Amino acid sequence: MTDEQLDRQLRSIGKECFVQYYADVADRNMTDDIIARRIDSDRGVDYSVALSTRVNGIRRIIKAGRGKDALIDCIASDRLPSRIRNRAAELIAQ
């Protein structure tokens, strides 16, 4: 996955969403269905959209080995709330 592809994927998912659900997607015990339903419930995003765009997008980034790069990008974003940037830093430290 190139930097351009990573950037495009993050914009599609939403950086805040990426950080919030990164740990769930990285957890192999969490199914796509469970995560999509959580996104649907938390964010009011239609289940099918949550599954196809967000969960699969986060999974693609992680599978490509670019999860840490994406989290670093989120930390550098001055448009995200500090609690989200702090969470991204915690995820990197784990």
Protein backbone atom coordinates (compact mmCIF):
# COMPACT_ATOMS: atom_id res chain seq x y z
CA MET A 1 0.00 0.00 0.00
CA THR A 2 1.52 3.29 -1.11
CA ASP A 3 1.35 6.51 0.91
CA GLU A 4 -1.25 7.82 -1.53
CA GLN A 5 -3.39 4.70 -1.14
CA LEU A 6 -3.06 4.93 2.65
CA ASP A 7 -4.14 8.57 2.63
CA ARG A 8 -7.12 7.79 0.38
CA GLN A 9 -8.16 4.86 2.58
CA LEU A 10 -7.91 6.98 5.75
CA ARG A 11 -10.04 9.71 4.19
CA SER A 12 -12.64 7.12 3.23
CA ILE A 13 -12.75 5.61 6.73
CA GLY A 14 -12.32 8.84 8.65
CA LYS A 15 -9.26 9.27 10.86
CA GLU A 16 -11.28 9.51 14.06
CA CYS A 17 -13.13 6.32 13.18
CA PHE A 18 -9.84 4.61 12.32
CA VAL A 19 -8.38 5.38 15.75
CA GLN A 20 -11.58 4.52 17.64
CA TYR A 21 -11.97 1.07 16.09
CA TYR A 22 -8.34 0.18 15.35
CA ALA A 23 -7.97 -2.05 18.43
CA ASP A 24 -11.24 -3.86 17.68
CA VAL A 25 -10.22 -4.61 14.11
CA ALA A 26 -6.70 -5.63 15.16
CA ASP A 27 -8.23 -8.08 17.67
CA ARG A 28 -8.61 -11.31 15.72
CA ASN A 29 -11.43 -12.41 18.06
CA MET A 30 -13.67 -9.53 16.90
CA THR A 31 -15.65 -10.36 13.77
CA ASP A 32 -16.41 -7.81 11.06
CA ASP A 33 -20.08 -8.17 11.92
CA ILE A 34 -19.59 -7.26 15.60
CA ILE A 35 -17.39 -4.27 14.75
CA ALA A 36 -19.76 -2.99 12.05
CA ARG A 37 -22.69 -3.22 14.45
CA ARG A 38 -20.70 -1.29 17.06
CA ILE A 39 -19.91 1.43 14.52
CA ASP A 40 -23.56 1.50 13.50
CA SER A 41 -24.62 1.86 17.14
CA ASP A 42 -21.91 4.37 18.19
CA ARG A 43 -21.87 6.59 15.15
CA GLY A 44 -25.29 6.14 13.58
CA VAL A 45 -23.71 4.86 10.38
CA ASP A 46 -25.76 2.38 8.38
CA TYR A 47 -24.58 -1.16 9.13
CA SER A 48 -23.79 -2.02 5.50
CA VAL A 49 -21.79 1.20 5.03
CA ALA A 50 -19.92 0.59 8.29
CA LEU A 51 -18.99 -2.89 7.16
CA SER A 52 -18.02 -2.17 3.58
CA THR A 53 -16.22 1.12 4.08
CA ARG A 54 -14.92 1.37 7.59
CA VAL A 55 -14.24 -2.14 8.88
CA ASN A 56 -12.84 -3.43 5.59
CA GLY A 57 -10.78 -0.27 5.14
CA ILE A 58 -9.21 -0.51 8.58
CA ARG A 59 -8.54 -4.20 8.00
CA ARG A 60 -6.85 -3.43 4.65
CA ILE A 61 -4.52 -0.91 6.29
CA ILE A 62 -3.59 -3.35 9.07
CA LYS A 63 -3.06 -6.25 6.65
CA ALA A 64 -0.81 -4.05 4.51
CA GLY A 65 1.36 -3.41 7.57
CA ARG A 66 0.54 0.30 7.55
CA GLY A 67 -1.41 0.54 10.82
CA LYS A 68 1.37 2.34 12.70
CA ASP A 69 1.88 4.76 9.79
CA ALA A 70 -1.84 5.54 9.80
CA LEU A 71 -1.83 6.12 13.56
CA ILE A 72 1.16 8.47 13.21
CA ASP A 73 -0.74 10.36 10.52
CA CYS A 74 -3.69 10.68 12.90
CA ILE A 75 -1.46 12.00 15.68
CA ALA A 76 -0.12 14.66 13.32
CA SER A 77 -3.60 15.82 12.30
CA ASP A 78 -4.48 19.09 13.99
CA ARG A 79 -8.10 18.59 12.91
CA LEU A 80 -8.63 15.67 15.31
CA PRO A 81 -9.54 16.21 18.96
CA SER A 82 -6.65 15.77 21.38
CA ARG A 83 -8.37 12.74 22.98
CA ILE A 84 -8.26 10.94 19.60
CA ARG A 85 -4.62 11.90 18.97
CA ASN A 86 -3.75 10.72 22.49
CA ARG A 87 -5.55 7.42 21.86
CA ALA A 88 -3.56 6.94 18.65
CA ALA A 89 -0.34 7.48 20.62
CA GLU A 90 -1.48 4.89 23.20
CA LEU A 91 -2.17 2.36 20.45
CA ILE A 92 1.31 2.86 19.03
CA ALA A 93 2.84 2.38 22.47
CA GLN A 94 1.07 -0.97 22.96
